[in-house]
PDB file of N, CA and C in Angstrom:
ATOM      1  N   MET A   1     -10.944  19.850  53.414  1.00  0.00           N
ATOM      2  CA  MET A   1      -9.988  18.814  52.736  1.00  0.00           C
ATOM      3  C   MET A   1      -8.694  19.487  52.091  1.00  0.00           C
ATOM      4  N   THR A   2      -7.429  19.016  52.452  1.00  0.00           N
ATOM      5  CA  THR A   2      -6.456  19.464  51.537  1.00  0.00           C
ATOM      6  C   THR A   2      -6.604  19.622  50.217  1.00  0.00           C
ATOM      7  N   VAL A   3      -5.586  20.304  49.833  1.00  0.00           N
ATOM      8  CA  VAL A   3      -5.293  20.473  48.455  1.00  0.00           C
ATOM      9  C   VAL A   3      -4.478  19.301  47.765  1.00  0.00           C
ATOM     10  N   MET A   4      -3.948  18.567  48.558  1.00  0.00           N
ATOM     11  CA  MET A   4      -3.213  17.411  47.907  1.00  0.00           C
ATOM     12  C   MET A   4      -4.150  15.881  47.803  1.00  0.00           C
ATOM     13  N   ARG A   5      -4.947  16.068  49.014  1.00  0.00           N
ATOM     14  CA  ARG A   5      -6.219  14.971  48.872  1.00  0.00           C
ATOM     15  C   ARG A   5      -7.227  15.276  47.754  1.00  0.00           C
ATOM     16  N   LYS A   6      -7.443  16.335  47.776  1.00  0.00           N
ATOM     17  CA  LYS A   6      -8.145  16.650  46.263  1.00  0.00           C
ATOM     18  C   LYS A   6      -7.436  16.330  44.920  1.00  0.00           C
ATOM     19  N   VAL A   7      -6.501  16.605  44.800  1.00  0.00           N
ATOM     20  CA  VAL A   7      -5.493  16.429  43.789  1.00  0.00           C
ATOM     21  C   VAL A   7      -5.591  14.580  43.709  1.00  0.00           C
ATOM     22  N   ARG A   8      -5.124  13.954  44.710  1.00  0.00           N
ATOM     23  CA  ARG A   8      -4.991  12.527  44.824  1.00  0.00           C
ATOM     24  C   ARG A   8      -6.350  11.896  44.270  1.00  0.00           C
ATOM     25  N   ARG A   9      -7.590  12.421  44.915  1.00  0.00           N
ATOM     26  CA  ARG A   9      -8.835  12.035  44.532  1.00  0.00           C
ATOM     27  C   ARG A   9      -9.192  12.149  42.770  1.00  0.00           C
ATOM     28  N   THR A  10      -8.589  13.623  42.352  1.00  0.00           N
ATOM     29  CA  THR A  10      -8.997  13.751  41.003  1.00  0.00           C
ATOM     30  C   THR A  10      -7.987  12.533  40.206  1.00  0.00           C
ATOM     31  N   VAL A  11      -7.018  12.646  40.616  1.00  0.00           N
ATOM     32  CA  VAL A  11      -6.124  11.921  39.749  1.00  0.00           C
ATOM     33  C   VAL A  11      -6.505  10.162  39.838  1.00  0.00           C
ATOM     34  N   LYS A  12      -6.948   9.958  40.888  1.00  0.00           N
ATOM     35  CA  LYS A  12      -7.754   8.445  40.963  1.00  0.00           C
ATOM     36  C   LYS A  12      -8.796   8.286  40.130  1.00  0.00           C
ATOM     37  N   GLY A  13      -9.668   9.488  40.147  1.00  0.00           N
ATOM     38  CA  GLY A  13     -10.914   9.511  39.249  1.00  0.00           C
ATOM     39  C   GLY A  13     -10.512   9.395  37.453  1.00  0.00           C
ATOM     40  N   GLU A  14      -9.479  10.209  37.342  1.00  0.00           N
ATOM     41  CA  GLU A  14      -9.080   9.956  35.925  1.00  0.00           C
ATOM     42  C   GLU A  14      -8.531   8.763  35.652  1.00  0.00           C
ATOM     43  N   LEU A  15      -7.535   8.148  36.483  1.00  0.00           N
ATOM     44  CA  LEU A  15      -7.221   6.716  36.593  1.00  0.00           C
ATOM     45  C   LEU A  15      -8.354   5.822  36.107  1.00  0.00           C
ATOM     46  N   ASN A  16      -9.220   5.696  37.110  1.00  0.00           N
ATOM     47  CA  ASN A  16     -10.451   5.013  36.928  1.00  0.00           C
ATOM     48  C   ASN A  16     -11.091   5.143  35.428  1.00  0.00           C
ATOM     49  N   ARG A  17     -11.270   6.288  34.937  1.00  0.00           N
ATOM     50  CA  ARG A  17     -11.816   6.411  33.637  1.00  0.00           C
ATOM     51  C   ARG A  17     -11.344   6.138  32.757  1.00  0.00           C
ATOM     52  N   LEU A  18      -9.800   6.219  32.437  1.00  0.00           N
ATOM     53  CA  LEU A  18      -9.231   5.551  31.766  1.00  0.00           C
ATOM     54  C   LEU A  18      -8.895   4.389  31.705  1.00  0.00           C
ATOM     55  N   ILE A  19      -8.884   3.491  32.676  1.00  0.00           N
ATOM     56  CA  ILE A  19      -9.276   1.948  32.809  1.00  0.00           C
ATOM     57  C   ILE A  19     -10.367   1.351  32.358  1.00  0.00           C
ATOM     58  N   ASP A  20     -11.479   2.333  32.462  1.00  0.00           N
ATOM     59  CA  ASP A  20     -12.865   1.955  31.734  1.00  0.00           C
ATOM     60  C   ASP A  20     -12.761   1.965  30.520  1.00  0.00           C
ATOM     61  N   SER A  21     -12.570   3.307  30.352  1.00  0.00           N
ATOM     62  CA  SER A  21     -12.377   3.588  28.619  1.00  0.00           C
ATOM     63  C   SER A  21     -11.456   2.635  27.416  1.00  0.00           C
ATOM     64  N   LEU A  22     -10.356   1.986  28.489  1.00  0.00           N
ATOM     65  CA  LEU A  22      -9.593   1.166  27.850  1.00  0.00           C
ATOM     66  C   LEU A  22      -9.934  -0.231  27.551  1.00  0.00           C
ATOM     67  N   VAL A  23     -10.428  -0.718  29.031  1.00  0.00           N
ATOM     68  CA  VAL A  23     -10.623  -2.172  29.109  1.00  0.00           C
ATOM     69  C   VAL A  23     -12.626  -2.479  28.794  1.00  0.00           C
ATOM     70  N   HIS A  24     -13.308  -1.939  29.551  1.00  0.00           N
ATOM     71  CA  HIS A  24     -14.699  -1.962  28.934  1.00  0.00           C
ATOM     72  C   HIS A  24     -15.289  -2.591  27.706  1.00  0.00           C
ATOM     73  N   PRO A  25     -15.001  -1.669  26.618  1.00  0.00           N
ATOM     74  CA  PRO A  25     -15.442  -1.861  25.569  1.00  0.00           C
ATOM     75  C   PRO A  25     -14.905  -3.434  24.854  1.00  0.00           C
ATOM     76  N   TYR A  26     -13.908  -4.123  25.644  1.00  0.00           N
ATOM     77  CA  TYR A  26     -13.754  -5.399  25.412  1.00  0.00           C
ATOM     78  C   TYR A  26     -14.138  -6.499  26.240  1.00  0.00           C
ATOM     79  N   PHE A  27     -15.194  -6.078  27.038  1.00  0.00           N
ATOM     80  CA  PHE A  27     -15.719  -7.099  27.774  1.00  0.00           C
ATOM     81  C   PHE A  27     -16.162  -8.527  27.050  1.00  0.00           C
ATOM     82  N   ARG A  28     -17.152  -8.106  26.222  1.00  0.00           N
ATOM     83  CA  ARG A  28     -17.936  -9.114  25.312  1.00  0.00           C
ATOM     84  C   ARG A  28     -17.068  -9.990  24.628  1.00  0.00           C
ATOM     85  N   GLU A  29     -15.985  -9.565  24.170  1.00  0.00           N
ATOM     86  CA  GLU A  29     -15.073 -10.306  23.369  1.00  0.00           C
ATOM     87  C   GLU A  29     -14.177 -11.383  24.503  1.00  0.00           C
ATOM     88  N   CYS A  30     -13.556 -10.679  25.481  1.00  0.00           N
ATOM     89  CA  CYS A  30     -12.996 -11.429  26.471  1.00  0.00           C
ATOM     90  C   CYS A  30     -13.453 -11.090  27.763  1.00  0.00           C
ATOM     91  N   PRO A  31     -14.356 -11.974  28.406  1.00  0.00           N
ATOM     92  CA  PRO A  31     -14.841 -11.692  29.669  1.00  0.00           C
ATOM     93  C   PRO A  31     -13.647 -11.655  30.717  1.00  0.00           C
ATOM     94  N   ALA A  32     -12.644 -12.213  30.726  1.00  0.00           N
ATOM     95  CA  ALA A  32     -11.540 -12.208  31.649  1.00  0.00           C
ATOM     96  C   ALA A  32     -11.284 -10.986  31.784  1.00  0.00           C
ATOM     97  N   LEU A  33     -11.147 -10.075  31.024  1.00  0.00           N
ATOM     98  CA  LEU A  33     -10.772  -8.690  31.085  1.00  0.00           C
ATOM     99  C   LEU A  33     -11.808  -7.967  32.260  1.00  0.00           C
ATOM    100  N   ILE A  34     -12.887  -8.516  32.632  1.00  0.00           N
ATOM    101  CA  ILE A  34     -13.606  -8.075  33.914  1.00  0.00           C
ATOM    102  C   ILE A  34     -12.604  -8.159  35.158  1.00  0.00           C
ATOM    103  N   VAL A  35     -12.252  -9.134  35.015  1.00  0.00           N
ATOM    104  CA  VAL A  35     -11.268  -9.757  36.563  1.00  0.00           C
ATOM    105  C   VAL A  35     -10.198  -8.733  36.456  1.00  0.00           C
ATOM    106  N   VAL A  36      -9.432  -8.333  35.178  1.00  0.00           N
ATOM    107  CA  VAL A  36      -8.160  -7.579  34.951  1.00  0.00           C
ATOM    108  C   VAL A  36      -8.646  -6.075  35.595  1.00  0.00           C
ATOM    109  N   ASP A  37     -10.072  -5.700  35.008  1.00  0.00           N
ATOM    110  CA  ASP A  37     -10.582  -4.456  35.361  1.00  0.00           C
ATOM    111  C   ASP A  37     -10.720  -4.325  36.845  1.00  0.00           C
ATOM    112  N   GLY A  38     -11.037  -5.107  37.645  1.00  0.00           N
ATOM    113  CA  GLY A  38     -11.153  -5.204  38.859  1.00  0.00           C
ATOM    114  C   GLY A  38      -9.916  -5.056  39.638  1.00  0.00           C
ATOM    115  N   LEU A  39      -8.799  -5.769  39.075  1.00  0.00           N
ATOM    116  CA  LEU A  39      -7.522  -5.696  39.500  1.00  0.00           C
ATOM    117  C   LEU A  39      -6.768  -4.328  39.224  1.00  0.00           C
ATOM    118  N   LEU A  40      -7.047  -4.062  38.265  1.00  0.00           N
ATOM    119  CA  LEU A  40      -6.471  -2.511  38.039  1.00  0.00           C
ATOM    120  C   LEU A  40      -7.139  -1.428  38.765  1.00  0.00           C
ATOM    121  N   HIS A  41      -8.310  -1.636  38.893  1.00  0.00           N
ATOM    122  CA  HIS A  41      -8.909  -0.605  39.960  1.00  0.00           C
ATOM    123  C   HIS A  41      -8.756  -0.646  41.208  1.00  0.00           C
ATOM    124  N   ALA A  42      -8.107  -2.038  41.543  1.00  0.00           N
ATOM    125  CA  ALA A  42      -8.067  -2.121  43.206  1.00  0.00           C
ATOM    126  C   ALA A  42      -6.558  -1.724  43.339  1.00  0.00           C
ATOM    127  N   MET A  43      -5.752  -1.632  41.986  1.00  0.00           N
ATOM    128  CA  MET A  43      -4.357  -1.127  42.255  1.00  0.00           C
ATOM    129  C   MET A  43      -4.418   0.395  42.405  1.00  0.00           C
ATOM    130  N   VAL A  44      -5.685   1.356  41.782  1.00  0.00           N
ATOM    131  CA  VAL A  44      -5.438   2.574  42.042  1.00  0.00           C
ATOM    132  C   VAL A  44      -5.953   2.822  43.110  1.00  0.00           C
ATOM    133  N   GLU A  45      -7.293   1.848  43.634  1.00  0.00           N
ATOM    134  CA  GLU A  45      -7.761   2.568  44.843  1.00  0.00           C
ATOM    135  C   GLU A  45      -6.789   2.160  46.151  1.00  0.00           C
ATOM    136  N   GLN A  46      -6.174   0.912  46.101  1.00  0.00           N
ATOM    137  CA  GLN A  46      -5.401   0.659  47.131  1.00  0.00           C
ATOM    138  C   GLN A  46      -6.180   0.385  48.498  1.00  0.00           C
ATOM    139  N   ASP A  47      -7.063  -0.265  48.399  1.00  0.00           N
ATOM    140  CA  ASP A  47      -7.928  -0.567  49.683  1.00  0.00           C
ATOM    141  C   ASP A  47      -8.537  -1.865  49.390  1.00  0.00           C
ATOM    142  N   PRO A  48      -8.046  -2.757  49.758  1.00  0.00           N
ATOM    143  CA  PRO A  48      -8.357  -4.179  49.197  1.00  0.00           C
ATOM    144  C   PRO A  48     -10.087  -4.680  49.816  1.00  0.00           C
ATOM    145  N   ASN A  49     -10.657  -4.223  50.941  1.00  0.00           N
ATOM    146  CA  ASN A  49     -11.762  -4.414  51.418  1.00  0.00           C
ATOM    147  C   ASN A  49     -12.831  -3.481  50.258  1.00  0.00           C
ATOM    148  N   VAL A  50     -12.432  -2.312  50.092  1.00  0.00           N
ATOM    149  CA  VAL A  50     -13.474  -1.451  49.128  1.00  0.00           C
ATOM    150  C   VAL A  50     -13.617  -2.087  47.945  1.00  0.00           C
ATOM    151  N   SER A  51     -12.258  -2.337  47.201  1.00  0.00           N
ATOM    152  CA  SER A  51     -12.298  -3.022  46.204  1.00  0.00           C
ATOM    153  C   SER A  51     -12.753  -4.376  45.990  1.00  0.00           C
ATOM    154  N   LEU A  52     -12.585  -5.458  46.588  1.00  0.00           N
ATOM    155  CA  LEU A  52     -13.384  -6.618  46.926  1.00  0.00           C
ATOM    156  C   LEU A  52     -14.982  -6.378  46.788  1.00  0.00           C
ATOM    157  N   ARG A  53     -15.444  -5.448  47.489  1.00  0.00           N
ATOM    158  CA  ARG A  53     -16.976  -5.116  47.794  1.00  0.00           C
ATOM    159  C   ARG A  53     -17.479  -4.619  46.246  1.00  0.00           C
ATOM    160  N   LYS A  54     -16.539  -3.543  45.853  1.00  0.00           N
ATOM    161  CA  LYS A  54     -16.910  -3.342  44.335  1.00  0.00           C
ATOM    162  C   LYS A  54     -16.951  -4.166  43.258  1.00  0.00           C
ATOM    163  N   PHE A  55     -15.911  -5.037  43.501  1.00  0.00           N
ATOM    164  CA  PHE A  55     -15.998  -6.069  42.375  1.00  0.00           C
ATOM    165  C   PHE A  55     -16.921  -7.165  42.582  1.00  0.00           C
ATOM    166  N   VAL A  56     -17.439  -7.198  43.582  1.00  0.00           N
ATOM    167  CA  VAL A  56     -18.700  -8.517  43.901  1.00  0.00           C
ATOM    168  C   VAL A  56     -19.822  -7.638  43.456  1.00  0.00           C
ATOM    169  N   ARG A  57     -20.141  -6.189  43.745  1.00  0.00           N
ATOM    170  CA  ARG A  57     -21.102  -5.562  42.935  1.00  0.00           C
ATOM    171  C   ARG A  57     -21.287  -5.305  41.662  1.00  0.00           C
ATOM    172  N   TYR A  58     -20.245  -4.796  40.900  1.00  0.00           N
ATOM    173  CA  TYR A  58     -20.283  -4.433  39.755  1.00  0.00           C
ATOM    174  C   TYR A  58     -19.481  -5.667  38.944  1.00  0.00           C
ATOM    175  N   GLY A  59     -18.485  -5.879  39.269  1.00  0.00           N
ATOM    176  CA  GLY A  59     -17.970  -7.057  38.254  1.00  0.00           C
ATOM    177  C   GLY A  59     -18.448  -8.377  38.252  1.00  0.00           C
ATOM    178  N   VAL A  60     -18.825  -8.999  39.331  1.00  0.00           N
ATOM    179  CA  VAL A  60     -19.374 -10.269  39.227  1.00  0.00           C
ATOM    180  C   VAL A  60     -20.768 -10.389  38.241  1.00  0.00           C
ATOM    181  N   PRO A  61     -21.612  -9.547  38.435  1.00  0.00           N
ATOM    182  CA  PRO A  61     -22.631  -9.585  37.697  1.00  0.00           C
ATOM    183  C   PRO A  61     -22.559  -9.479  36.112  1.00  0.00           C
ATOM    184  N   GLU A  62     -21.661  -8.513  35.803  1.00  0.00           N
ATOM    185  CA  GLU A  62     -20.985  -8.073  34.534  1.00  0.00           C
ATOM    186  C   GLU A  62     -20.194  -9.465  33.921  1.00  0.00           C
ATOM    187  N   LEU A  63     -19.569 -10.295  34.771  1.00  0.00           N
ATOM    188  CA  LEU A  63     -18.900 -11.114  34.156  1.00  0.00           C
ATOM    189  C   LEU A  63     -19.876 -12.511  34.051  1.00  0.00           C
ATOM    190  N   LEU A  64     -21.023 -12.418  35.035  1.00  0.00           N
ATOM    191  CA  LEU A  64     -22.153 -13.520  34.799  1.00  0.00           C
ATOM    192  C   LEU A  64     -22.823 -13.323  33.522  1.00  0.00           C
ATOM    193  N   ARG A  65     -23.169 -11.889  33.319  1.00  0.00           N
ATOM    194  CA  ARG A  65     -23.959 -11.555  31.811  1.00  0.00           C
ATOM    195  C   ARG A  65     -23.261 -12.088  30.677  1.00  0.00           C
ATOM    196  N   CYS A  66     -21.775 -11.776  30.660  1.00  0.00           N
ATOM    197  CA  CYS A  66     -21.155 -12.073  29.542  1.00  0.00           C
ATOM    198  C   CYS A  66     -20.981 -13.335  29.519  1.00  0.00           C
ATOM    199  N   LEU A  67     -20.617 -14.377  30.312  1.00  0.00           N
ATOM    200  CA  LEU A  67     -20.534 -15.456  30.274  1.00  0.00           C
ATOM    201  C   LEU A  67     -21.875 -16.390  29.885  1.00  0.00           C
ATOM    202  N   ALA A  68     -22.951 -15.880  30.144  1.00  0.00           N
ATOM    203  CA  ALA A  68     -24.662 -16.258  30.035  1.00  0.00           C
ATOM    204  C   ALA A  68     -24.764 -15.952  28.288  1.00  0.00           C
ATOM    205  N   ARG A  69     -24.238 -14.901  27.919  1.00  0.00           N
ATOM    206  CA  ARG A  69     -24.126 -14.710  26.388  1.00  0.00           C
ATOM    207  C   ARG A  69     -23.400 -15.266  25.636  1.00  0.00           C
ATOM    208  N   LYS A  70     -22.319 -15.820  26.195  1.00  0.00           N
ATOM    209  CA  LYS A  70     -21.401 -16.813  25.463  1.00  0.00           C
ATOM    210  C   LYS A  70     -22.029 -18.143  25.302  1.00  0.00           C
ATOM    211  N   ARG A  71     -23.010 -18.303  26.445  1.00  0.00           N
ATOM    212  CA  ARG A  71     -23.219 -19.836  26.229  1.00  0.00           C
ATOM    213  C   ARG A  71     -24.444 -19.807  25.312  1.00  0.00           C
ATOM    214  N   LYS A  72     -25.278 -18.758  24.950  1.00  0.00           N
ATOM    215  CA  LYS A  72     -26.276 -18.965  24.071  1.00  0.00           C
ATOM    216  C   LYS A  72     -25.874 -19.131  22.637  1.00  0.00           C
TER     217      LYS A  72
END
């Protein structure tokens, strides 16, 4: 693996952690931020197929949980 590839991976990881730390605490107050979170991660990853699969796997269940909590 080249040095540039390692740096790029590290930067992506740091950006993803930054997005998580800024957006995740507000999911309960505003479930729409779950969609924003998915879009921000997709922008960082720049791979639509992987981003969509990750959103369906992690974002959709979280969105459903938040919406179910709001209905109670």
